[in-house]
Amino acid sequence: MNNKKLGTAFERFVCADFAHRGYWTHFITPDMRGSQPFDIVAVKDNKAIAVECKTLDAKEHIFPLTRLEENQLMAFKRWMACGNDTPIIVVSWRGKIYWLPFTALQNEKRIDLNDVASVG
C-alpha cells in the first residue's frame, strides 16, 4: 500500500474510532490543491477537537513539528485563538497509536514517541 493510501486508511480509522467513542465526526476532504487545515473535526459535549493524523515509519521514533505543513500550523493556532481545545495529532507508529497535544509539540518542536504512552 502506498503512503497516500496508508495515510487515508489511518485517517478513516481514527475518524471511526472517535465516532465509536460517541463523537460526531467529520473527515475533511482535501481541496483541489490537496491541502486541508487538518483531517478530522470531532465534537462531543459541546467541545470540538481538531485532529491531524500522521503515520511514521517503524525506524523513526521522533515526531518533529516540521511534519505539520504551514497551513496546518496556522489553522491550529487560529483554532486555539478562537477558544477551542488544543488540537491533537494522532500518530501511528509500530502498530500503536499516540495522541500528541499540539501545544506540547509546539513547545518542544519534537516529541520522542519512546517517551510517550500509547493509547492503543
N, C-alpha and C. Protein backbone atom coordinates (compact mmCIF):
# COMPACT_ATOMS: atom_id res chain seq x y z
N MET A 1 0.86 -1.18 0.00
CA MET A 1 0.00 0.00 0.00
C MET A 1 0.90 1.24 0.00
N ASN A 2 0.61 2.21 -0.87
CA ASN A 2 1.45 3.41 -0.93
C ASN A 2 1.14 4.34 0.26
N ASN A 3 2.00 5.35 0.46
CA ASN A 3 1.86 6.25 1.61
C ASN A 3 0.52 6.98 1.64
N LYS A 4 0.04 7.41 0.48
CA LYS A 4 -1.23 8.14 0.41
C LYS A 4 -2.38 7.24 0.88
N LYS A 5 -2.42 6.01 0.36
CA LYS A 5 -3.48 5.09 0.75
C LYS A 5 -3.37 4.69 2.22
N LEU A 6 -2.14 4.50 2.69
CA LEU A 6 -1.91 4.17 4.09
C LEU A 6 -2.40 5.30 4.99
N GLY A 7 -2.06 6.54 4.62
CA GLY A 7 -2.49 7.70 5.41
C GLY A 7 -4.00 7.86 5.41
N THR A 8 -4.63 7.71 4.26
CA THR A 8 -6.08 7.84 4.18
C THR A 8 -6.77 6.74 4.99
N ALA A 9 -6.25 5.54 4.94
CA ALA A 9 -6.83 4.44 5.73
C ALA A 9 -6.72 4.75 7.22
N PHE A 10 -5.58 5.29 7.65
CA PHE A 10 -5.41 5.63 9.07
C PHE A 10 -6.36 6.77 9.46
N GLU A 11 -6.50 7.78 8.61
CA GLU A 11 -7.43 8.88 8.90
C GLU A 11 -8.85 8.36 9.08
N ARG A 12 -9.27 7.47 8.23
CA ARG A 12 -10.62 6.90 8.33
C ARG A 12 -10.77 6.04 9.58
N PHE A 13 -9.71 5.31 9.96
CA PHE A 13 -9.72 4.54 11.19
C PHE A 13 -9.90 5.45 12.40
N VAL A 14 -9.14 6.55 12.45
CA VAL A 14 -9.22 7.49 13.57
C VAL A 14 -10.61 8.13 13.62
N CYS A 15 -11.14 8.50 12.47
CA CYS A 15 -12.48 9.09 12.40
C CYS A 15 -13.51 8.11 12.96
N ALA A 16 -13.43 6.84 12.56
CA ALA A 16 -14.35 5.82 13.05
C ALA A 16 -14.17 5.58 14.55
N ASP A 17 -12.92 5.64 15.03
CA ASP A 17 -12.65 5.45 16.46
C ASP A 17 -13.30 6.55 17.29
N PHE A 18 -13.18 7.80 16.84
CA PHE A 18 -13.86 8.89 17.54
C PHE A 18 -15.37 8.67 17.54
N ALA A 19 -15.93 8.28 16.40
CA ALA A 19 -17.37 8.03 16.30
C ALA A 19 -17.78 6.93 17.27
N HIS A 20 -16.98 5.88 17.36
CA HIS A 20 -17.25 4.77 18.28
C HIS A 20 -17.26 5.26 19.73
N ARG A 21 -16.48 6.27 20.02
CA ARG A 21 -16.41 6.85 21.38
C ARG A 21 -17.52 7.87 21.63
N GLY A 22 -18.45 8.01 20.69
CA GLY A 22 -19.60 8.89 20.88
C GLY A 22 -19.46 10.29 20.32
N TYR A 23 -18.43 10.54 19.55
CA TYR A 23 -18.22 11.84 18.95
C TYR A 23 -18.97 11.93 17.62
N TRP A 24 -19.45 13.11 17.28
CA TRP A 24 -19.85 13.40 15.91
C TRP A 24 -18.54 13.70 15.21
N THR A 25 -18.30 13.07 14.07
CA THR A 25 -17.03 13.26 13.39
C THR A 25 -17.25 13.67 11.94
N HIS A 26 -16.30 14.41 11.43
CA HIS A 26 -16.33 14.79 10.02
C HIS A 26 -14.91 14.72 9.47
N PHE A 27 -14.75 13.92 8.43
CA PHE A 27 -13.48 13.81 7.73
C PHE A 27 -13.41 14.96 6.73
N ILE A 28 -12.38 15.78 6.82
CA ILE A 28 -12.24 16.93 5.93
C ILE A 28 -11.53 16.49 4.65
N THR A 29 -12.22 16.61 3.55
CA THR A 29 -11.67 16.23 2.26
C THR A 29 -10.72 17.33 1.77
N PRO A 30 -9.54 16.95 1.29
CA PRO A 30 -8.62 17.95 0.76
C PRO A 30 -9.23 18.73 -0.40
N ASP A 31 -8.83 20.00 -0.55
CA ASP A 31 -9.32 20.81 -1.66
C ASP A 31 -8.60 20.41 -2.95
N MET A 32 -8.85 21.14 -4.00
CA MET A 32 -8.29 20.79 -5.32
C MET A 32 -6.76 20.80 -5.33
N ARG A 33 -6.15 21.58 -4.44
CA ARG A 33 -4.68 21.61 -4.35
C ARG A 33 -4.15 20.47 -3.50
N GLY A 34 -5.07 19.75 -2.81
CA GLY A 34 -4.65 18.65 -1.96
C GLY A 34 -4.37 19.08 -0.53
N SER A 35 -4.72 20.33 -0.20
CA SER A 35 -4.44 20.80 1.16
C SER A 35 -5.74 20.90 1.96
N GLN A 36 -5.57 20.84 3.27
CA GLN A 36 -6.68 20.98 4.20
C GLN A 36 -6.08 21.47 5.52
N PRO A 37 -6.88 22.11 6.38
CA PRO A 37 -6.31 22.61 7.63
C PRO A 37 -5.94 21.48 8.60
N PHE A 38 -6.70 20.40 8.60
CA PHE A 38 -6.45 19.20 9.38
C PHE A 38 -7.38 18.12 8.86
N ASP A 39 -7.29 16.93 9.40
CA ASP A 39 -8.01 15.79 8.82
C ASP A 39 -9.44 15.60 9.32
N ILE A 40 -9.66 15.83 10.60
CA ILE A 40 -10.94 15.46 11.23
C ILE A 40 -11.38 16.54 12.22
N VAL A 41 -12.68 16.76 12.28
CA VAL A 41 -13.28 17.51 13.38
C VAL A 41 -14.12 16.50 14.15
N ALA A 42 -13.91 16.44 15.45
CA ALA A 42 -14.67 15.54 16.32
C ALA A 42 -15.34 16.39 17.41
N VAL A 43 -16.65 16.20 17.61
CA VAL A 43 -17.39 17.02 18.56
C VAL A 43 -18.18 16.13 19.51
N LYS A 44 -18.09 16.47 20.80
CA LYS A 44 -18.86 15.76 21.83
C LYS A 44 -19.02 16.69 23.01
N ASP A 45 -20.22 16.71 23.58
CA ASP A 45 -20.49 17.53 24.77
C ASP A 45 -20.09 18.99 24.58
N ASN A 46 -20.42 19.53 23.42
CA ASN A 46 -20.14 20.93 23.09
C ASN A 46 -18.66 21.28 23.04
N LYS A 47 -17.81 20.29 22.84
CA LYS A 47 -16.38 20.53 22.69
C LYS A 47 -15.93 19.94 21.36
N ALA A 48 -15.29 20.78 20.57
CA ALA A 48 -14.78 20.34 19.28
C ALA A 48 -13.27 20.12 19.37
N ILE A 49 -12.81 19.10 18.67
CA ILE A 49 -11.39 18.79 18.62
C ILE A 49 -10.96 18.76 17.16
N ALA A 50 -9.89 19.48 16.87
CA ALA A 50 -9.26 19.41 15.56
C ALA A 50 -8.23 18.30 15.62
N VAL A 51 -8.26 17.40 14.64
CA VAL A 51 -7.39 16.23 14.66
C VAL A 51 -6.61 16.12 13.36
N GLU A 52 -5.31 15.97 13.48
CA GLU A 52 -4.44 15.68 12.33
C GLU A 52 -3.87 14.28 12.54
N CYS A 53 -3.89 13.47 11.50
CA CYS A 53 -3.40 12.10 11.57
C CYS A 53 -2.09 11.97 10.80
N LYS A 54 -1.13 11.28 11.40
CA LYS A 54 0.16 11.06 10.75
C LYS A 54 0.61 9.63 11.01
N THR A 55 1.34 9.08 10.06
CA THR A 55 1.96 7.77 10.25
C THR A 55 3.47 7.94 10.18
N LEU A 56 4.18 7.15 10.98
CA LEU A 56 5.64 7.16 10.97
C LEU A 56 6.14 5.79 10.55
N ASP A 57 7.26 5.77 9.84
CA ASP A 57 7.92 4.51 9.53
C ASP A 57 8.39 3.87 10.84
N ALA A 58 8.51 2.56 10.83
CA ALA A 58 8.92 1.83 12.03
C ALA A 58 10.28 2.28 12.55
N LYS A 59 11.19 2.66 11.64
CA LYS A 59 12.54 3.05 12.08
C LYS A 59 12.57 4.43 12.73
N GLU A 60 11.56 5.25 12.47
CA GLU A 60 11.50 6.59 13.08
C GLU A 60 10.90 6.49 14.48
N HIS A 61 11.30 7.38 15.35
CA HIS A 61 10.65 7.45 16.66
C HIS A 61 10.49 8.90 17.13
N ILE A 62 11.05 9.82 16.38
CA ILE A 62 10.92 11.24 16.69
C ILE A 62 9.85 11.82 15.78
N PHE A 63 8.86 12.48 16.39
CA PHE A 63 7.86 13.18 15.58
C PHE A 63 8.16 14.67 15.67
N PRO A 64 8.65 15.28 14.57
CA PRO A 64 9.03 16.69 14.60
C PRO A 64 7.87 17.61 14.21
N LEU A 65 7.89 18.81 14.72
CA LEU A 65 6.91 19.83 14.36
C LEU A 65 6.91 20.07 12.85
N THR A 66 8.04 19.87 12.21
CA THR A 66 8.15 20.11 10.77
C THR A 66 7.30 19.15 9.94
N ARG A 67 6.74 18.10 10.56
CA ARG A 67 5.82 17.20 9.82
C ARG A 67 4.48 17.88 9.54
N LEU A 68 4.22 18.98 10.25
CA LEU A 68 2.99 19.74 10.00
C LEU A 68 3.28 20.81 8.96
N GLU A 69 2.37 20.96 8.02
CA GLU A 69 2.51 21.96 6.98
C GLU A 69 2.16 23.34 7.54
N GLU A 70 2.63 24.37 6.86
CA GLU A 70 2.41 25.75 7.32
C GLU A 70 0.92 26.06 7.48
N ASN A 71 0.09 25.62 6.52
CA ASN A 71 -1.34 25.90 6.63
C ASN A 71 -1.94 25.18 7.84
N GLN A 72 -1.41 24.02 8.21
CA GLN A 72 -1.89 23.31 9.38
C GLN A 72 -1.49 24.04 10.66
N LEU A 73 -0.27 24.52 10.71
CA LEU A 73 0.19 25.29 11.88
C LEU A 73 -0.69 26.53 12.07
N MET A 74 -0.94 27.24 10.98
CA MET A 74 -1.78 28.45 11.08
C MET A 74 -3.20 28.09 11.49
N ALA A 75 -3.75 27.01 10.95
CA ALA A 75 -5.11 26.60 11.30
C ALA A 75 -5.20 26.21 12.78
N PHE A 76 -4.21 25.47 13.27
CA PHE A 76 -4.21 25.08 14.69
C PHE A 76 -4.11 26.30 15.60
N LYS A 77 -3.26 27.24 15.25
CA LYS A 77 -3.11 28.45 16.08
C LYS A 77 -4.40 29.25 16.08
N ARG A 78 -5.03 29.39 14.93
CA ARG A 78 -6.30 30.12 14.83
C ARG A 78 -7.40 29.38 15.59
N TRP A 79 -7.41 28.06 15.48
CA TRP A 79 -8.38 27.22 16.19
C TRP A 79 -8.34 27.53 17.70
N MET A 80 -7.13 27.57 18.25
CA MET A 80 -6.98 27.85 19.68
C MET A 80 -7.30 29.30 20.00
N ALA A 81 -6.95 30.23 19.11
CA ALA A 81 -7.25 31.64 19.33
C ALA A 81 -8.75 31.89 19.40
N CYS A 82 -9.53 31.02 18.78
CA CYS A 82 -11.00 31.14 18.80
C CYS A 82 -11.60 30.50 20.05
N GLY A 83 -10.77 30.03 20.96
CA GLY A 83 -11.26 29.48 22.22
C GLY A 83 -11.52 27.99 22.23
N ASN A 84 -11.09 27.29 21.20
CA ASN A 84 -11.28 25.85 21.15
C ASN A 84 -10.19 25.11 21.91
N ASP A 85 -10.46 23.84 22.22
CA ASP A 85 -9.47 23.00 22.89
C ASP A 85 -8.25 22.78 22.00
N THR A 86 -7.17 22.35 22.63
CA THR A 86 -5.92 22.09 21.92
C THR A 86 -6.11 21.03 20.85
N PRO A 87 -5.68 21.29 19.63
CA PRO A 87 -5.72 20.26 18.58
C PRO A 87 -4.86 19.06 18.96
N ILE A 88 -5.20 17.92 18.38
CA ILE A 88 -4.49 16.68 18.66
C ILE A 88 -3.88 16.15 17.37
N ILE A 89 -2.64 15.69 17.47
CA ILE A 89 -2.02 14.97 16.37
C ILE A 89 -2.03 13.51 16.77
N VAL A 90 -2.70 12.68 15.99
CA VAL A 90 -2.77 11.26 16.27
C VAL A 90 -1.76 10.57 15.37
N VAL A 91 -0.79 9.90 15.99
CA VAL A 91 0.32 9.30 15.26
C VAL A 91 0.26 7.77 15.37
N SER A 92 0.42 7.12 14.23
CA SER A 92 0.54 5.66 14.19
C SER A 92 2.01 5.32 14.03
N TRP A 93 2.52 4.49 14.96
CA TRP A 93 3.92 4.09 14.91
C TRP A 93 4.06 2.69 15.50
N ARG A 94 4.62 1.81 14.74
CA ARG A 94 4.87 0.43 15.17
C ARG A 94 3.62 -0.26 15.71
N GLY A 95 2.49 -0.04 15.04
CA GLY A 95 1.24 -0.70 15.42
C GLY A 95 0.56 -0.11 16.63
N LYS A 96 1.08 1.01 17.15
CA LYS A 96 0.46 1.68 18.29
C LYS A 96 0.03 3.08 17.88
N ILE A 97 -0.87 3.65 18.68
CA ILE A 97 -1.41 4.98 18.40
C ILE A 97 -1.06 5.91 19.54
N TYR A 98 -0.61 7.10 19.18
CA TYR A 98 -0.19 8.12 20.14
C TYR A 98 -0.98 9.39 19.90
N TRP A 99 -1.51 9.96 20.96
CA TRP A 99 -2.23 11.24 20.87
C TRP A 99 -1.28 12.31 21.40
N LEU A 100 -0.87 13.21 20.53
CA LEU A 100 0.06 14.27 20.90
C LEU A 100 -0.66 15.61 20.89
N PRO A 101 -0.73 16.30 22.02
CA PRO A 101 -1.33 17.63 22.02
C PRO A 101 -0.46 18.59 21.20
N PHE A 102 -1.09 19.37 20.37
CA PHE A 102 -0.37 20.31 19.53
C PHE A 102 0.49 21.25 20.36
N THR A 103 0.01 21.71 21.50
CA THR A 103 0.77 22.66 22.32
C THR A 103 2.08 22.04 22.81
N ALA A 104 2.08 20.74 23.14
CA ALA A 104 3.32 20.09 23.56
C ALA A 104 4.31 20.04 22.41
N LEU A 105 3.82 19.70 21.23
CA LEU A 105 4.69 19.65 20.05
C LEU A 105 5.20 21.05 19.69
N GLN A 106 4.33 22.03 19.81
CA GLN A 106 4.70 23.41 19.51
C GLN A 106 5.80 23.89 20.47
N ASN A 107 5.69 23.54 21.73
CA ASN A 107 6.69 23.96 22.73
C ASN A 107 8.01 23.22 22.58
N GLU A 108 7.94 21.92 22.36
CA GLU A 108 9.15 21.09 22.33
C GLU A 108 9.80 21.01 20.95
N LYS A 109 9.01 21.28 19.88
CA LYS A 109 9.46 21.22 18.48
C LYS A 109 9.61 19.78 17.97
N ARG A 110 9.63 18.81 18.87
CA ARG A 110 9.72 17.41 18.50
C ARG A 110 9.37 16.56 19.72
N ILE A 111 8.81 15.41 19.47
CA ILE A 111 8.45 14.51 20.55
C ILE A 111 8.99 13.12 20.24
N ASP A 112 9.68 12.56 21.21
CA ASP A 112 10.19 11.19 21.09
C ASP A 112 9.09 10.24 21.51
N LEU A 113 8.58 9.45 20.59
CA LEU A 113 7.47 8.55 20.89
C LEU A 113 7.86 7.49 21.92
N ASN A 114 9.14 7.23 22.09
CA ASN A 114 9.59 6.30 23.14
C ASN A 114 9.27 6.84 24.53
N ASP A 115 9.06 8.15 24.63
CA ASP A 115 8.80 8.78 25.93
C ASP A 115 7.32 9.05 26.18
N VAL A 116 6.45 8.60 25.29
CA VAL A 116 5.02 8.89 25.37
C VAL A 116 4.25 7.58 25.46
N ALA A 117 3.24 7.55 26.29
CA ALA A 117 2.40 6.36 26.40
C ALA A 117 1.45 6.30 25.20
N SER A 118 1.29 5.13 24.64
CA SER A 118 0.36 4.96 23.54
C SER A 118 -1.05 4.77 24.10
N VAL A 119 -2.05 4.99 23.25
CA VAL A 119 -3.44 4.82 23.66
C VAL A 119 -4.05 3.58 23.02
N GLY A 120 -3.30 2.87 22.25
CA GLY A 120 -3.86 1.68 21.62
C GLY A 120 -2.82 0.90 20.86
